[in-house]
All heavy atoms as atom14 arrays in JSON, in Angstrom:
{
  "sequence": "GSTRERTHATVERIVKETRLAPAAHLTCV",
  "atom14_mask": [
    [1, 1, 1, 1, 0, 0, 0, 0, 0, 0, 0, 0, 0, 0],
    [1, 1, 1, 1, 1, 1, 0, 0, 0, 0, 0, 0, 0, 0],
    [1, 1, 1, 1, 1, 1, 1, 0, 0, 0, 0, 0, 0, 0],
    [1, 1, 1, 1, 1, 1, 1, 1, 1, 1, 1, 0, 0, 0],
    [1, 1, 1, 1, 1, 1, 1, 1, 1, 0, 0, 0, 0, 0],
    [1, 1, 1, 1, 1, 1, 1, 1, 1, 1, 1, 0, 0, 0],
    [1, 1, 1, 1, 1, 1, 1, 0, 0, 0, 0, 0, 0, 0],
    [1, 1, 1, 1, 1, 1, 1, 1, 1, 1, 0, 0, 0, 0],
    [1, 1, 1, 1, 1, 0, 0, 0, 0, 0, 0, 0, 0, 0],
    [1, 1, 1, 1, 1, 1, 1, 0, 0, 0, 0, 0, 0, 0],
    [1, 1, 1, 1, 1, 1, 1, 0, 0, 0, 0, 0, 0, 0],
    [1, 1, 1, 1, 1, 1, 1, 1, 1, 0, 0, 0, 0, 0],
    [1, 1, 1, 1, 1, 1, 1, 1, 1, 1, 1, 0, 0, 0],
    [1, 1, 1, 1, 1, 1, 1, 1, 0, 0, 0, 0, 0, 0],
    [1, 1, 1, 1, 1, 1, 1, 0, 0, 0, 0, 0, 0, 0],
    [1, 1, 1, 1, 1, 1, 1, 1, 1, 0, 0, 0, 0, 0],
    [1, 1, 1, 1, 1, 1, 1, 1, 1, 0, 0, 0, 0, 0],
    [1, 1, 1, 1, 1, 1, 1, 0, 0, 0, 0, 0, 0, 0],
    [1, 1, 1, 1, 1, 1, 1, 1, 1, 1, 1, 0, 0, 0],
    [1, 1, 1, 1, 1, 1, 1, 1, 0, 0, 0, 0, 0, 0],
    [1, 1, 1, 1, 1, 0, 0, 0, 0, 0, 0, 0, 0, 0],
    [1, 1, 1, 1, 1, 1, 1, 0, 0, 0, 0, 0, 0, 0],
    [1, 1, 1, 1, 1, 0, 0, 0, 0, 0, 0, 0, 0, 0],
    [1, 1, 1, 1, 1, 0, 0, 0, 0, 0, 0, 0, 0, 0],
    [1, 1, 1, 1, 1, 1, 1, 1, 1, 1, 0, 0, 0, 0],
    [1, 1, 1, 1, 1, 1, 1, 1, 0, 0, 0, 0, 0, 0],
    [1, 1, 1, 1, 1, 1, 1, 0, 0, 0, 0, 0, 0, 0],
    [1, 1, 1, 1, 1, 1, 0, 0, 0, 0, 0, 0, 0, 0],
    [1, 1, 1, 1, 1, 1, 1, 0, 0, 0, 0, 0, 0, 0]
  ],
  "atom14_positions": [
    [[-3.79, -11.04, -7.63], [-3.88, -9.67, -8.11], [-4.75, -8.77, -7.28], [-4.39, -7.64, -7.0], [0.0, 0.0, 0.0], [0.0, 0.0, 0.0], [0.0, 0.0, 0.0], [0.0, 0.0, 0.0], [0.0, 0.0, 0.0], [0.0, 0.0, 0.0], [0.0, 0.0, 0.0], [0.0, 0.0, 0.0], [0.0, 0.0, 0.0], [0.0, 0.0, 0.0]],
    [[-5.95, -9.25, -6.87], [-6.87, -8.36, -6.14], [-6.28, -7.93, -4.81], [-6.43, -6.77, -4.39], [-8.21, -9.06, -5.93], [-8.07, -10.22, -5.14], [0.0, 0.0, 0.0], [0.0, 0.0, 0.0], [0.0, 0.0, 0.0], [0.0, 0.0, 0.0], [0.0, 0.0, 0.0], [0.0, 0.0, 0.0], [0.0, 0.0, 0.0], [0.0, 0.0, 0.0]],
    [[-5.61, -8.85, -4.11], [-5.0, -8.51, -2.82], [-3.9, -7.49, -3.01], [-3.77, -6.53, -2.25], [-4.44, -9.78, -2.14], [-5.5, -10.71, -2.01], [-3.9, -9.45, -0.77], [0.0, 0.0, 0.0], [0.0, 0.0, 0.0], [0.0, 0.0, 0.0], [0.0, 0.0, 0.0], [0.0, 0.0, 0.0], [0.0, 0.0, 0.0], [0.0, 0.0, 0.0]],
    [[-3.07, -7.68, -4.03], [-2.0, -6.73, -4.31], [-2.54, -5.35, -4.62], [-2.0, -4.34, -4.18], [-1.15, -7.24, -5.49], [-0.38, -8.52, -5.18], [0.25, -9.09, -6.44], [0.85, -10.39, -6.17], [1.25, -11.23, -7.1], [1.12, -10.92, -8.37], [1.8, -12.38, -6.78], [0.0, 0.0, 0.0], [0.0, 0.0, 0.0], [0.0, 0.0, 0.0]],
    [[-3.63, -5.32, -5.39], [-4.23, -4.02, -5.73], [-4.76, -3.32, -4.48], [-4.64, -2.09, -4.36], [-5.34, -4.24, -6.75], [-4.83, -4.65, -8.13], [-5.93, -5.14, -9.04], [-7.11, -5.03, -8.64], [-5.62, -5.63, -10.14], [0.0, 0.0, 0.0], [0.0, 0.0, 0.0], [0.0, 0.0, 0.0], [0.0, 0.0, 0.0], [0.0, 0.0, 0.0]],
    [[-5.36, -4.08, -3.56], [-5.85, -3.46, -2.33], [-4.7, -2.91, -1.49], [-4.82, -1.84, -0.9], [-6.66, -4.49, -1.51], [-8.0, -4.85, -2.11], [-8.92, -5.51, -1.09], [-8.35, -6.74, -0.55], [-8.55, -7.94, -1.08], [-9.27, -8.07, -2.18], [-8.01, -9.02, -0.52], [0.0, 0.0, 0.0], [0.0, 0.0, 0.0], [0.0, 0.0, 0.0]],
    [[-3.6, -3.66, -1.44], [-2.44, -3.16, -0.7], [-1.93, -1.87, -1.31], [-1.68, -0.89, -0.6], [-1.31, -4.23, -0.71], [-1.77, -5.4, -0.07], [-0.07, -3.71, 0.01], [0.0, 0.0, 0.0], [0.0, 0.0, 0.0], [0.0, 0.0, 0.0], [0.0, 0.0, 0.0], [0.0, 0.0, 0.0], [0.0, 0.0, 0.0], [0.0, 0.0, 0.0]],
    [[-1.77, -1.88, -2.64], [-1.26, -0.69, -3.31], [-2.19, 0.5, -3.11], [-1.74, 1.62, -2.85], [-1.09, -0.98, -4.81], [-0.22, 0.01, -5.52], [1.13, -0.16, -5.69], [-0.51, 1.21, -6.08], [1.64, 0.87, -6.34], [0.66, 1.71, -6.59], [0.0, 0.0, 0.0], [0.0, 0.0, 0.0], [0.0, 0.0, 0.0], [0.0, 0.0, 0.0]],
    [[-3.49, 0.27, -3.19], [-4.46, 1.36, -3.01], [-4.39, 1.92, -1.6], [-4.46, 3.15, -1.4], [-5.87, 0.87, -3.33], [0.0, 0.0, 0.0], [0.0, 0.0, 0.0], [0.0, 0.0, 0.0], [0.0, 0.0, 0.0], [0.0, 0.0, 0.0], [0.0, 0.0, 0.0], [0.0, 0.0, 0.0], [0.0, 0.0, 0.0], [0.0, 0.0, 0.0]],
    [[-4.25, 1.03, -0.61], [-4.17, 1.49, 0.78], [-2.9, 2.31, 1.01], [-2.93, 3.38, 1.63], [-4.2, 0.28, 1.74], [-5.42, -0.45, 1.54], [-4.12, 0.74, 3.19], [0.0, 0.0, 0.0], [0.0, 0.0, 0.0], [0.0, 0.0, 0.0], [0.0, 0.0, 0.0], [0.0, 0.0, 0.0], [0.0, 0.0, 0.0], [0.0, 0.0, 0.0]],
    [[-1.78, 1.81, 0.48], [-0.51, 2.52, 0.65], [-0.57, 3.88, -0.04], [-0.13, 4.9, 0.52], [0.64, 1.68, 0.09], [1.93, 2.5, 0.02], [0.87, 0.44, 0.95], [0.0, 0.0, 0.0], [0.0, 0.0, 0.0], [0.0, 0.0, 0.0], [0.0, 0.0, 0.0], [0.0, 0.0, 0.0], [0.0, 0.0, 0.0], [0.0, 0.0, 0.0]],
    [[-1.12, 3.93, -1.24], [-1.21, 5.2, -1.96], [-2.07, 6.2, -1.19], [-1.75, 7.4, -1.14], [-1.79, 4.98, -3.36], [-0.79, 4.51, -4.38], [-1.28, 4.72, -5.8], [-2.5, 4.54, -6.04], [-0.46, 5.05, -6.67], [0.0, 0.0, 0.0], [0.0, 0.0, 0.0], [0.0, 0.0, 0.0], [0.0, 0.0, 0.0], [0.0, 0.0, 0.0]],
    [[-3.15, 5.73, -0.6], [-4.02, 6.63, 0.16], [-3.3, 7.17, 1.39], [-3.45, 8.34, 1.74], [-5.31, 5.93, 0.56], [-6.3, 6.85, 1.24], [-7.64, 6.18, 1.5], [-8.48, 7.05, 2.31], [-9.66, 6.71, 2.81], [-10.18, 5.51, 2.54], [-10.36, 7.55, 3.56], [0.0, 0.0, 0.0], [0.0, 0.0, 0.0], [0.0, 0.0, 0.0]],
    [[-2.5, 6.32, 2.04], [-1.72, 6.79, 3.19], [-0.75, 7.89, 2.75], [-0.59, 8.91, 3.44], [-0.96, 5.61, 3.83], [-1.94, 4.65, 4.52], [0.08, 6.1, 4.83], [-1.3, 3.37, 5.01], [0.0, 0.0, 0.0], [0.0, 0.0, 0.0], [0.0, 0.0, 0.0], [0.0, 0.0, 0.0], [0.0, 0.0, 0.0], [0.0, 0.0, 0.0]],
    [[-0.11, 7.7, 1.6], [0.82, 8.71, 1.08], [0.1, 10.03, 0.81], [0.58, 11.12, 1.18], [1.52, 8.21, -0.2], [2.31, 9.34, -0.86], [2.45, 7.04, 0.12], [0.0, 0.0, 0.0], [0.0, 0.0, 0.0], [0.0, 0.0, 0.0], [0.0, 0.0, 0.0], [0.0, 0.0, 0.0], [0.0, 0.0, 0.0], [0.0, 0.0, 0.0]],
    [[-1.07, 9.93, 0.18], [-1.76, 11.14, -0.27], [-2.5, 11.87, 0.85], [-2.58, 13.1, 0.84], [-2.76, 10.78, -1.37], [-2.11, 10.32, -2.67], [-3.15, 9.89, -3.69], [-2.52, 9.41, -4.99], [-3.53, 8.94, -5.95], [0.0, 0.0, 0.0], [0.0, 0.0, 0.0], [0.0, 0.0, 0.0], [0.0, 0.0, 0.0], [0.0, 0.0, 0.0]],
    [[-3.03, 11.12, 1.84], [-3.95, 11.73, 2.79], [-3.39, 11.87, 4.21], [-4.07, 12.44, 5.07], [-5.25, 10.91, 2.85], [-5.99, 10.87, 1.52], [-7.31, 10.13, 1.6], [-7.8, 9.93, 2.74], [-7.86, 9.76, 0.54], [0.0, 0.0, 0.0], [0.0, 0.0, 0.0], [0.0, 0.0, 0.0], [0.0, 0.0, 0.0], [0.0, 0.0, 0.0]],
    [[-2.2, 11.36, 4.46], [-1.63, 11.46, 5.81], [-0.17, 11.88, 5.73], [0.41, 11.94, 4.65], [-1.71, 10.1, 6.56], [-0.65, 9.24, 6.09], [-3.04, 9.42, 6.35], [0.0, 0.0, 0.0], [0.0, 0.0, 0.0], [0.0, 0.0, 0.0], [0.0, 0.0, 0.0], [0.0, 0.0, 0.0], [0.0, 0.0, 0.0], [0.0, 0.0, 0.0]],
    [[0.39, 12.13, 6.89], [1.82, 12.42, 6.99], [2.61, 11.2, 7.42], [3.79, 11.29, 7.71], [2.05, 13.56, 7.99], [1.43, 14.89, 7.56], [1.75, 15.99, 8.56], [1.19, 17.27, 8.17], [1.33, 18.4, 8.86], [2.0, 18.38, 10.01], [0.8, 19.53, 8.42], [0.0, 0.0, 0.0], [0.0, 0.0, 0.0], [0.0, 0.0, 0.0]],
    [[1.96, 10.06, 7.46], [2.61, 8.84, 7.89], [3.56, 8.32, 6.81], [3.35, 8.55, 5.62], [1.56, 7.77, 8.2], [0.59, 8.08, 9.33], [-0.54, 7.05, 9.35], [1.32, 8.11, 10.67], [0.0, 0.0, 0.0], [0.0, 0.0, 0.0], [0.0, 0.0, 0.0], [0.0, 0.0, 0.0], [0.0, 0.0, 0.0], [0.0, 0.0, 0.0]],
    [[4.58, 7.59, 7.24], [5.51, 6.94, 6.32], [5.07, 5.5, 6.12], [5.2, 4.69, 7.05], [6.93, 7.0, 6.87], [0.0, 0.0, 0.0], [0.0, 0.0, 0.0], [0.0, 0.0, 0.0], [0.0, 0.0, 0.0], [0.0, 0.0, 0.0], [0.0, 0.0, 0.0], [0.0, 0.0, 0.0], [0.0, 0.0, 0.0], [0.0, 0.0, 0.0]],
    [[4.54, 5.15, 4.95], [4.07, 3.78, 4.76], [5.2, 2.84, 4.37], [6.14, 3.22, 3.67], [3.07, 3.92, 3.62], [3.6, 5.07, 2.81], [4.25, 6.01, 3.78], [0.0, 0.0, 0.0], [0.0, 0.0, 0.0], [0.0, 0.0, 0.0], [0.0, 0.0, 0.0], [0.0, 0.0, 0.0], [0.0, 0.0, 0.0], [0.0, 0.0, 0.0]],
    [[5.1, 1.62, 4.84], [6.0, 0.54, 4.43], [5.14, -0.54, 3.79], [4.29, -1.14, 4.45], [6.77, -0.02, 5.62], [0.0, 0.0, 0.0], [0.0, 0.0, 0.0], [0.0, 0.0, 0.0], [0.0, 0.0, 0.0], [0.0, 0.0, 0.0], [0.0, 0.0, 0.0], [0.0, 0.0, 0.0], [0.0, 0.0, 0.0], [0.0, 0.0, 0.0]],
    [[5.32, -0.76, 2.51], [4.49, -1.71, 1.78], [5.1, -3.11, 1.85], [6.27, -3.3, 1.56], [4.38, -1.28, 0.32], [0.0, 0.0, 0.0], [0.0, 0.0, 0.0], [0.0, 0.0, 0.0], [0.0, 0.0, 0.0], [0.0, 0.0, 0.0], [0.0, 0.0, 0.0], [0.0, 0.0, 0.0], [0.0, 0.0, 0.0], [0.0, 0.0, 0.0]],
    [[4.29, -4.08, 2.27], [4.75, -5.47, 2.25], [4.83, -5.95, 0.8], [4.03, -5.55, -0.04], [3.78, -6.37, 3.01], [3.87, -6.23, 4.49], [3.78, -7.32, 5.34], [4.07, -5.16, 5.29], [3.9, -6.92, 6.6], [4.07, -5.6, 6.59], [0.0, 0.0, 0.0], [0.0, 0.0, 0.0], [0.0, 0.0, 0.0], [0.0, 0.0, 0.0]],
    [[5.8, -6.83, 0.54], [5.96, -7.39, -0.79], [6.48, -8.81, -0.64], [7.37, -9.07, 0.17], [6.95, -6.55, -1.6], [7.13, -6.92, -3.07], [5.82, -6.73, -3.85], [8.23, -6.06, -3.69], [0.0, 0.0, 0.0], [0.0, 0.0, 0.0], [0.0, 0.0, 0.0], [0.0, 0.0, 0.0], [0.0, 0.0, 0.0], [0.0, 0.0, 0.0]],
    [[5.94, -9.74, -1.43], [6.36, -11.15, -1.35], [6.79, -11.65, -2.73], [6.55, -11.01, -3.76], [5.24, -12.06, -0.82], [4.26, -12.24, -1.85], [4.59, -11.48, 0.42], [0.0, 0.0, 0.0], [0.0, 0.0, 0.0], [0.0, 0.0, 0.0], [0.0, 0.0, 0.0], [0.0, 0.0, 0.0], [0.0, 0.0, 0.0], [0.0, 0.0, 0.0]],
    [[7.39, -12.84, -2.71], [7.82, -13.51, -3.94], [6.75, -14.43, -4.51], [6.93, -15.0, -5.59], [9.04, -14.4, -3.65], [10.41, -13.67, -2.76], [0.0, 0.0, 0.0], [0.0, 0.0, 0.0], [0.0, 0.0, 0.0], [0.0, 0.0, 0.0], [0.0, 0.0, 0.0], [0.0, 0.0, 0.0], [0.0, 0.0, 0.0], [0.0, 0.0, 0.0]],
    [[5.67, -14.63, -3.79], [4.73, -15.7, -4.09], [3.98, -15.46, -5.41], [3.46, -14.37, -5.64], [3.71, -15.87, -2.94], [2.64, -16.89, -3.3], [4.42, -16.28, -1.67], [0.0, 0.0, 0.0], [0.0, 0.0, 0.0], [0.0, 0.0, 0.0], [0.0, 0.0, 0.0], [0.0, 0.0, 0.0], [0.0, 0.0, 0.0], [0.0, 0.0, 0.0]]
  ]
}
């Protein structure tokens, strides 16, 4: 859970604060 939350937080910040197009990694594990 903690790793997933950090990924989501990083991706959300990229969306909100930059013009970059983020690609979020996602696994089945």
